[in-house]
Each structure stands twice: as structure tokens, then as C-alpha cells.
């Protein structure tokens, strides 16, 4: 009789919210009324619409199919390739459009931050960027908002470039003025010594012709404290967590080269894609190397709250009014570009949720 050998312990209670049998999703956001929105960047899948709402178990293009069809005559009012969506808790869905299908150079006017009124389901404002803000190498990745500063609030966006400088882009929502901060800084750059390992294998770019090169992506993960005063961020290919005062980021009297003196280091949190903050100040972060989700308490203590073989690349997080943590699981590491042109993803991709007994961090007083 063969002995029963010890096995790895898995824990964390998840519910399946939605199974995706089409294009691969990256983003999710749950509004204050419980509406669920998702997005699908154009990375090679057949993307019928890049932003959608889950309505009675079905995906519906949002805010309309027309808005999801690229209109070259009016590129700023149509979505090109959306990477991230964030419901702000006060009636608006913010859509971050990379304008860069298949990681191409951003289309001029295509890279943008759009605000959709959730009561009328219409685009009410679009912010575009100048060439010194969105560079030819820029990949707009995630966005966080705070309406307690300035006359209309501020947005903070990560540039997760794979071949250019990482940065945090600061946007004054009153006038649309935007500028790059921590441009190419160590904290917004890939860790050059980090070798990601997922499902027991080294993750690197592997081309159909047999050539390989390292997988490197800059600042990606982003979260903001409940009072809006601290921004947490991390590069995708790094295990390190950093933070900086949002007041310092907004203060252009402080030169960018001096900003690193204001950066705080929080230690290793694991390699994460998505990150979000709860109302108690807890930072929730994925750990894509270990099929896990961690939380970082305000005092810096870290705890793994879920470890599950189904968490095959935890991407974006959102916290709903139901006090559940929602997470997109999309097998990003199984894409063809990492496996000599062979797509190893298995459908469905999933939207999961777990109870955390914490509300989302507020964006307003």
C-alpha cells in the first residue's frame, strides 16, 4: 500500500462570479451600486468590445457598442484598447485606454482617460495627453483617483512600459494638465535582478523562432490610501512595494530627480499585477508567482489570505459595496508570447470574489 504523502496546503474561500469563454479580460471594477464592469485589451484575442458590463450573467458592450468601435475620425471618443477601469464610488466609471493595441506605439489621441456617467451611461469627459506625457514607449496601465484635492480632483496613472521609462502620470482633473513623475526612477522600473517564476517555470519572452529575452515591465500595481495622501505602487516584474506622498507628487516645485528621497520602501510583498486599498487602509495585492493574494496592513505586516491553484495570474482587483474582494484571473503567463508561439491558456478565464469584511477606500470626503 502506497503511503499518502503530504500535499501543499491551499486556503481561501472563493466564489465564481463570471466565467469568460471569449477574449481574455484584465480589468474589473464594481460600482457603489454593485454594477460590475470588465475590460479586454487588444492583445491578439478576438476582442468584440474592449469595455463591458456584466448584466444578468451576460457581457454587454459598455457604454455602447459604438463607443467600442474604433472611429479614426474621432479617436478620442472611441475606445481603442482598454487596460483598466475604475468606478469612483460617486457615479462615474473611469476608463483608461492605452491606445496601444498589441503593445504598439500609442495612437495619438487614442491614449486617454475617459469618464462615463453611470446614471446616463454616456461619456462626459475625455482627457488626452501630450507627447511629453505619453511617450512612444508608454503603456498606460492602472489609475487611482482622489477628489479631495484640487478643484476637481486628481488621477494617478502608472506607465508600465516594457522598453522605456516607467513613471507615475499625475493628472489635474480640473484642466487636464498632466505630467510624469518618478520618470525612470528605480522604484518605477523593473527589478533587473528579478527572475519571475510561475507554475514552477521561469517566465520570459519566448518567440516562435526560438529566440528569448527577459520579461520586464515597469510600474504597474497601484493603490491609494483611504485619505488619499499616500500612493502605493510596484513594478510588474519586481517583488518590492513602494509608496510616496501624493502631495509631493503633485508639487512640481520638487524636481523629479529629487522625488526618490520621498519614496518609502515597504519590503517584499510578492510579485503582483493588481493591487487595491480597503477603507481600513489594508492594501490587497496579488502574488502571481505563488497563486496567492496577500494583504499588507497599515503597520507593514503582511499576510497571505488566499492560496489556491485556480488563482492562475491574479490580475486586477476591486472591492465592492458588498465587502467582497473581486479578482480577475486570466492566465496571462500562459500566453503564446511566453511559449514559443503556443497559446497554453485554458478557457474559461474567471472573475472570482472572496469576503474580506472591508469596504473600498473612499475617493471623496
Protein backbone atom coordinates (compact mmCIF):
# COMPACT_ATOMS: atom_id res chain seq x y z
CA UNK A 1 0.00 0.00 0.00
CA UNK A 2 1.43 3.36 -1.05
CA UNK A 3 1.63 5.94 1.76
CA UNK A 4 -0.31 9.19 1.45
CA UNK A 5 2.32 11.85 1.01
CA UNK A 6 1.93 15.39 2.34
CA UNK A 7 0.50 17.94 -0.10
CA UNK A 8 0.71 21.70 -0.42
CA UNK A 9 -1.92 23.46 1.67
CA UNK A 10 -4.45 25.64 -0.10
CA UNK A 11 -6.80 28.07 1.62
CA UNK A 12 -9.17 30.97 0.99
CA UNK A 13 -12.85 30.78 0.11
CA UNK A 14 -13.73 31.92 -3.41
CA UNK A 15 -16.95 32.19 -5.38
CA UNK A 16 -17.09 32.25 -9.16
CA UNK A 17 -18.78 35.45 -10.31
CA UNK A 18 -18.35 35.04 -14.07
CA UNK A 19 -16.62 32.66 -16.49
CA UNK A 20 -15.18 34.14 -19.70
CA UNK A 21 -15.13 31.94 -22.80
CA UNK A 22 -14.10 34.63 -25.29
CA UNK A 23 -11.35 37.25 -25.10
CA UNK A 24 -9.05 37.44 -22.09
CA UNK A 25 -10.07 40.10 -19.52
CA UNK A 26 -7.66 42.19 -17.47
CA UNK A 27 -9.72 44.73 -15.52
CA UNK A 28 -12.71 44.68 -13.20
CA UNK A 29 -14.47 47.35 -11.17
CA UNK A 30 -17.58 47.18 -9.01
CA UNK A 31 -19.59 50.40 -8.63
CA UNK A 32 -21.14 51.68 -5.42
CA UNK A 33 -24.47 50.21 -6.55
CA UNK A 34 -22.96 46.79 -7.31
CA UNK A 35 -22.71 47.04 -11.09
CA UNK A 36 -19.76 45.02 -12.43
CA UNK A 37 -17.60 46.26 -15.30
CA UNK A 38 -14.75 44.46 -17.06
CA UNK A 39 -12.32 45.28 -19.85
CA UNK A 40 -10.49 43.38 -22.56
CA UNK A 41 -7.32 44.92 -24.05
CA UNK A 42 -6.46 44.02 -27.63
CA UNK A 43 -3.51 41.69 -27.16
CA UNK A 44 -4.33 39.33 -30.02
CA UNK A 45 -7.64 37.77 -28.97
CA UNK A 46 -10.81 38.48 -30.92
CA UNK A 47 -11.99 41.45 -28.85
CA UNK A 48 -15.56 42.36 -29.83
CA UNK A 49 -15.70 45.20 -27.29
CA UNK A 50 -12.95 46.41 -25.00
CA UNK A 51 -15.25 47.56 -22.16
CA UNK A 52 -18.27 45.60 -20.95
CA UNK A 53 -20.79 45.36 -18.14
CA UNK A 54 -21.91 42.00 -16.75
CA UNK A 55 -25.72 42.13 -16.87
CA UNK A 56 -27.65 39.08 -15.68
CA UNK A 57 -24.66 36.87 -16.42
CA UNK A 58 -24.08 38.23 -19.91
CA UNK A 59 -21.44 40.60 -21.27
CA UNK A 60 -22.80 43.79 -22.79
CA UNK A 61 -20.58 46.39 -24.51
CA UNK A 62 -20.33 49.49 -22.34
CA UNK A 63 -21.42 52.25 -22.59
CA UNK A 64 -22.41 51.14 -26.12
CA UNK A 65 -21.11 49.05 -28.99
CA UNK A 66 -20.49 52.25 -30.92
CA UNK A 67 -18.09 53.53 -28.24
CA UNK A 68 -16.16 50.27 -28.54
CA UNK A 69 -15.65 50.53 -32.31
CA UNK A 70 -12.52 52.49 -33.22
CA UNK A 71 -13.54 55.65 -35.05
CA UNK A 72 -10.45 57.03 -36.78
CA UNK A 73 -12.35 60.25 -37.43
CA UNK A 74 -12.98 60.76 -33.72
CA UNK A 75 -10.44 58.59 -31.92
CA UNK A 76 -10.81 60.40 -28.59
CA UNK A 77 -14.48 59.39 -28.27
CA UNK A 78 -14.00 55.72 -29.08
CA UNK A 79 -12.12 53.07 -27.12
CA UNK A 80 -9.06 51.51 -28.75
CA UNK A 81 -7.62 49.03 -26.22
CA UNK A 82 -8.67 49.47 -22.61
CA UNK A 83 -6.39 48.12 -19.90
CA UNK A 84 -8.10 49.37 -16.76
CA UNK A 85 -11.46 50.62 -15.47
CA UNK A 86 -12.23 52.16 -12.08
CA UNK A 87 -15.63 53.08 -10.62
CA UNK A 88 -15.01 56.03 -8.30
CA UNK A 89 -17.80 55.44 -5.78
CA UNK A 90 -19.70 58.55 -6.78
CA UNK A 91 -21.37 57.73 -10.07
CA UNK A 92 -18.54 57.70 -12.60
CA UNK A 93 -16.65 54.90 -14.33
CA UNK A 94 -13.13 55.92 -15.36
CA UNK A 95 -11.77 54.15 -18.43
CA UNK A 96 -8.01 54.04 -19.07
CA UNK A 97 -7.40 53.46 -22.77
CA UNK A 98 -3.83 52.54 -23.70
CA UNK A 99 -4.44 53.48 -27.33
CA UNK A 100 -1.84 50.78 -27.99
CA UNK A 101 -3.25 47.52 -29.36
CA UNK A 102 -0.74 44.67 -29.21
CA UNK A 103 1.61 46.92 -27.20
CA UNK A 104 2.22 49.14 -30.22
CA UNK A 105 3.24 52.78 -30.01
CA UNK A 106 0.19 54.64 -28.64
CA UNK A 107 -2.05 56.12 -31.31
CA UNK A 108 -2.10 59.90 -30.96
CA UNK A 109 -5.34 60.84 -29.22
CA UNK A 110 -6.05 57.16 -28.60
CA UNK A 111 -4.31 57.06 -25.23
CA UNK A 112 -6.76 58.67 -22.83
CA UNK A 113 -8.66 58.70 -19.58
CA UNK A 114 -12.42 58.83 -20.12
CA UNK A 115 -15.16 59.50 -17.56
CA UNK A 116 -18.52 57.77 -18.07
CA UNK A 117 -21.61 58.94 -16.19
CA UNK A 118 -23.14 55.77 -14.73
CA UNK A 119 -26.59 57.33 -14.44
CA UNK A 120 -26.84 58.20 -18.14
CA UNK A 121 -24.27 55.68 -19.49
CA UNK A 122 -22.63 58.39 -21.58
CA UNK A 123 -19.05 59.65 -21.88
CA UNK A 124 -18.99 63.02 -20.15
CA UNK A 125 -15.31 63.95 -20.40
CA UNK A 126 -12.13 62.68 -22.04
CA UNK A 127 -8.57 63.56 -21.02
CA UNK A 128 -5.86 63.10 -23.64
CA UNK A 129 -2.13 63.51 -23.20
CA UNK A 130 0.69 65.47 -24.79
CA UNK A 131 3.70 63.77 -26.35
CA UNK A 132 5.91 64.57 -23.35
CA UNK A 133 3.49 62.65 -21.08
CA UNK A 134 2.53 59.65 -23.18
CA UNK A 135 5.80 58.67 -24.83
CA UNK A 136 6.21 56.33 -27.83
CA UNK A 137 7.12 53.64 -25.25
CA UNK A 138 4.25 54.35 -22.83
CA UNK A 139 1.75 51.68 -21.80
CA UNK A 140 -0.95 53.19 -19.56
CA UNK A 141 -1.74 50.51 -17.01
CA UNK A 142 -3.75 51.49 -13.95
CA UNK A 143 -5.39 54.55 -12.43
CA UNK A 144 -6.38 55.77 -8.96
CA UNK A 145 -8.44 58.84 -8.13
CA UNK A 146 -8.79 61.36 -5.32
CA UNK A 147 -11.41 64.12 -5.36
CA UNK A 148 -10.34 65.76 -2.07
CA UNK A 149 -7.56 67.81 -3.67
CA UNK A 150 -7.69 70.48 -6.35
CA UNK A 151 -10.94 71.90 -7.65
CA UNK A 152 -11.94 68.68 -9.46
CA UNK A 153 -9.57 66.06 -8.04
CA UNK A 154 -6.51 64.27 -9.36
CA UNK A 155 -5.79 61.00 -11.14
CA UNK A 156 -2.61 58.96 -10.81
CA UNK A 157 -1.68 56.57 -13.63
CA UNK A 158 1.13 54.02 -13.94
CA UNK A 159 3.22 53.75 -17.11
CA UNK A 160 4.27 50.09 -17.24
CA UNK A 161 6.48 50.36 -20.30
CA UNK A 162 8.46 47.29 -21.34
CA UNK A 163 11.14 49.20 -23.24
CA UNK A 164 11.07 52.75 -21.90
CA UNK A 165 10.96 54.59 -18.58
CA UNK A 166 8.35 53.67 -16.03
CA UNK A 167 6.57 56.55 -14.31
CA UNK A 168 3.55 57.78 -12.44
CA UNK A 169 1.50 60.22 -14.50
CA UNK A 170 -0.33 62.87 -12.47
CA UNK A 171 -3.48 64.42 -13.97
CA UNK A 172 -5.26 67.53 -12.71
CA UNK A 173 -8.87 66.66 -13.50
CA UNK A 174 -9.94 70.32 -13.49
CA UNK A 175 -7.92 71.33 -16.53
CA UNK A 176 -6.43 68.09 -17.84
CA UNK A 177 -2.85 69.17 -17.18
CA UNK A 178 -0.73 66.04 -16.84
CA UNK A 179 2.93 65.40 -16.06
CA UNK A 180 5.28 62.48 -15.47
CA UNK A 181 6.76 61.81 -12.03
CA UNK A 182 9.41 59.31 -10.89
CA UNK A 183 10.25 59.02 -14.58
CA UNK A 184 12.71 56.13 -14.92
CA UNK A 185 13.27 56.04 -11.15
CA UNK A 186 14.43 52.83 -9.52
CA UNK A 187 11.07 52.41 -7.76
CA UNK A 188 9.05 52.63 -11.00
CA UNK A 189 11.48 50.46 -13.00
CA UNK A 190 11.64 46.68 -13.37
CA UNK A 191 13.91 44.95 -10.87
CA UNK A 192 16.89 43.94 -13.05
CA UNK A 193 17.71 41.04 -10.71
CA UNK A 194 14.19 39.64 -10.56
CA UNK A 195 13.52 36.36 -12.37
CA UNK A 196 9.76 35.63 -12.32
CA UNK A 197 8.71 32.02 -11.88
CA UNK A 198 5.09 30.97 -12.43
CA UNK A 199 3.71 27.42 -12.19
CA UNK A 200 7.25 26.30 -11.43
CA UNK A 201 8.71 27.71 -14.67
CA UNK A 202 10.76 30.80 -15.43
CA UNK A 203 8.60 33.41 -17.16
CA UNK A 204 10.32 35.02 -20.11
CA UNK A 205 9.52 36.09 -23.65
CA UNK A 206 9.94 33.10 -25.97
CA UNK A 207 9.47 33.73 -29.67
CA UNK A 208 8.32 31.21 -32.30
CA UNK A 209 11.80 31.34 -33.88
CA UNK A 210 13.34 30.06 -30.65
CA UNK A 211 14.82 33.35 -29.51
CA UNK A 212 14.22 34.50 -25.95
CA UNK A 213 14.60 37.67 -23.92
CA UNK A 214 13.75 38.65 -20.33
CA UNK A 215 10.24 39.69 -19.32
CA UNK A 216 10.48 43.24 -17.98
CA UNK A 217 7.58 45.58 -17.17
CA UNK A 218 7.74 48.82 -15.20
CA UNK A 219 5.34 50.39 -12.67
CA UNK A 220 2.00 48.61 -12.79
CA UNK A 221 0.38 47.87 -9.41
CA UNK A 222 -1.29 50.92 -7.90
CA UNK A 223 -3.30 51.67 -4.77
CA UNK A 224 -4.18 54.82 -2.83
CA UNK A 225 -4.68 55.21 0.91
CA UNK A 226 -8.21 55.87 2.26
CA UNK A 227 -7.34 59.52 2.96
CA UNK A 228 -5.79 59.97 -0.49
CA UNK A 229 -2.45 61.05 0.95
CA UNK A 230 -0.29 58.04 0.06
CA UNK A 231 0.14 56.23 -3.24
CA UNK A 232 1.38 52.63 -3.20
CA UNK A 233 2.96 51.24 -6.35
CA UNK A 234 5.14 48.47 -7.73
CA UNK A 235 6.67 47.33 -10.99
CA UNK A 236 5.12 44.22 -12.51
CA UNK A 237 8.47 42.43 -12.64
CA UNK A 238 9.51 43.06 -9.05
CA UNK A 239 8.55 41.83 -5.60
CA UNK A 240 9.14 45.22 -3.97
CA UNK A 241 6.46 47.61 -2.69
CA UNK A 242 6.97 51.39 -2.56
CA UNK A 243 4.89 54.39 -1.58
CA UNK A 244 5.08 58.16 -1.92
CA UNK A 245 3.09 61.13 -0.68
CA UNK A 246 0.54 62.29 -3.25
CA UNK A 247 1.12 65.88 -2.12
CA UNK A 248 4.78 65.51 -3.07
CA UNK A 249 3.85 64.01 -6.42
CA UNK A 250 1.59 66.96 -7.21
CA UNK A 251 4.14 69.57 -6.10
CA UNK A 252 6.07 70.43 -9.25
CA UNK A 253 8.37 72.72 -7.27
CA UNK A 254 10.09 69.49 -6.22
CA UNK A 255 12.20 68.39 -9.17
CA UNK A 256 11.61 64.90 -10.44
CA UNK A 257 15.21 63.87 -9.78
CA UNK A 258 14.69 64.70 -6.09
CA UNK A 259 11.46 62.71 -5.69
CA UNK A 260 13.24 59.45 -4.84
CA UNK A 261 14.17 60.99 -1.46
CA UNK A 262 10.46 60.92 -0.61
CA UNK A 263 9.88 57.30 -1.62
CA UNK A 264 9.23 54.80 1.18
CA UNK A 265 10.13 51.13 0.89
CA UNK A 266 7.70 48.59 2.36
CA UNK A 267 9.62 45.39 1.67
CA UNK A 268 8.80 42.34 -0.41
CA UNK A 269 5.09 41.78 -0.98
CA UNK A 270 5.46 39.18 -3.75
CA UNK A 271 5.23 39.89 -7.46
CA UNK A 272 1.86 41.48 -8.13
CA UNK A 273 -0.18 42.70 -11.04
CA UNK A 274 -3.32 44.08 -9.40
CA UNK A 275 -3.45 46.00 -6.14
CA UNK A 276 -6.26 47.80 -4.25
CA UNK A 277 -6.83 49.51 -0.90
CA UNK A 278 -9.67 48.97 1.51
CA UNK A 279 -11.34 51.55 3.78
CA UNK A 280 -9.34 50.33 6.79
CA UNK A 281 -6.09 51.09 4.97
CA UNK A 282 -5.34 47.49 4.07
CA UNK A 283 -3.52 47.03 0.76
CA UNK A 284 -4.52 43.90 -1.13
CA UNK A 285 -2.04 42.57 -3.70
CA UNK A 286 -1.76 39.53 -5.89
CA UNK A 287 1.22 37.20 -5.89
CA UNK A 288 1.27 35.70 -9.36
CA UNK A 289 4.31 33.51 -8.63
CA UNK A 290 2.51 31.68 -5.84
CA UNK A 291 -1.15 31.65 -6.92
CA UNK A 292 -1.89 33.80 -3.92
CA UNK A 293 -3.41 37.02 -2.61
CA UNK A 294 -1.79 38.99 0.17
CA UNK A 295 -2.81 41.84 2.39
CA UNK A 296 -0.48 44.48 3.79
CA UNK A 297 -1.69 46.17 6.96
CA UNK A 298 -1.03 49.87 7.68
CA UNK A 299 1.75 48.85 10.10
CA UNK A 300 3.52 46.95 7.30
CA UNK A 301 2.62 43.45 8.47
CA UNK A 302 1.86 41.12 5.56
CA UNK A 303 -0.40 38.08 5.46
CA UNK A 304 -1.40 35.65 2.73
CA UNK A 305 -5.21 35.48 2.72
CA UNK A 306 -5.67 33.07 -0.19
CA UNK A 307 -3.55 30.40 -1.83
CA UNK A 308 -5.41 28.44 -4.47
CA UNK A 309 -4.36 26.57 -7.64
CA UNK A 310 -7.19 28.35 -9.51
CA UNK A 311 -5.53 31.74 -8.98
CA UNK A 312 -3.62 31.47 -12.26
CA UNK A 313 -2.34 35.03 -12.52
CA UNK A 314 -4.45 37.33 -10.33
CA UNK A 315 -4.75 40.50 -12.40
CA UNK A 316 -6.98 43.42 -11.38
CA UNK A 317 -8.73 43.78 -8.00
CA UNK A 318 -11.85 45.67 -6.99
CA UNK A 319 -13.66 45.91 -3.66
CA UNK A 320 -17.44 46.02 -3.90
CA UNK A 321 -20.05 47.61 -1.62
CA UNK A 322 -20.79 44.02 -0.52
CA UNK A 323 -17.32 43.90 1.16
CA UNK A 324 -16.06 41.30 -1.27
CA UNK A 325 -12.69 41.43 -2.99
CA UNK A 326 -13.17 40.78 -6.71
CA UNK A 327 -10.26 39.49 -8.79
CA UNK A 328 -9.78 38.76 -12.48
CA UNK A 329 -7.85 35.53 -13.07
CA UNK A 330 -6.64 35.38 -16.66
CA UNK A 331 -3.65 33.03 -17.09
CA UNK A 332 -1.61 35.90 -18.54
CA UNK A 333 1.60 33.89 -18.17
CA UNK A 334 0.27 31.16 -20.48
CA UNK A 335 0.01 33.48 -23.49
CA UNK A 336 1.73 32.43 -26.70
CA UNK A 337 4.45 35.08 -26.42
CA UNK A 338 5.88 33.28 -23.41
CA UNK A 339 5.81 29.81 -25.00
CA UNK A 340 7.38 29.97 -28.47
CA UNK A 341 4.06 30.93 -30.07
CA UNK A 342 1.94 28.23 -28.37
CA UNK A 343 -1.11 29.54 -26.53
CA UNK A 344 -1.40 27.45 -23.36
CA UNK A 345 -4.37 29.28 -21.83
CA UNK A 346 -7.38 27.15 -20.94
CA UNK A 347 -10.85 28.68 -21.03
CA UNK A 348 -12.70 29.85 -19.14
CA UNK A 349 -10.92 32.80 -17.58
CA UNK A 350 -12.63 33.82 -14.37
CA UNK A 351 -13.85 36.59 -12.15
CA UNK A 352 -13.69 35.38 -8.55
CA UNK A 353 -14.59 37.00 -5.27
CA UNK A 354 -13.86 36.43 -1.58
CA UNK A 355 -15.31 38.04 1.52
CA UNK A 356 -12.90 40.46 3.23
CA UNK A 357 -15.30 42.41 5.51
CA UNK A 358 -13.89 45.72 4.33
CA UNK A 359 -15.38 48.44 2.18
CA UNK A 360 -13.42 50.08 -0.66
CA UNK A 361 -11.21 53.06 0.16
CA UNK A 362 -13.22 56.27 -0.43
CA UNK A 363 -12.18 58.75 -3.09
CA UNK A 364 -14.01 61.70 -1.53
CA UNK A 365 -14.87 63.16 1.89
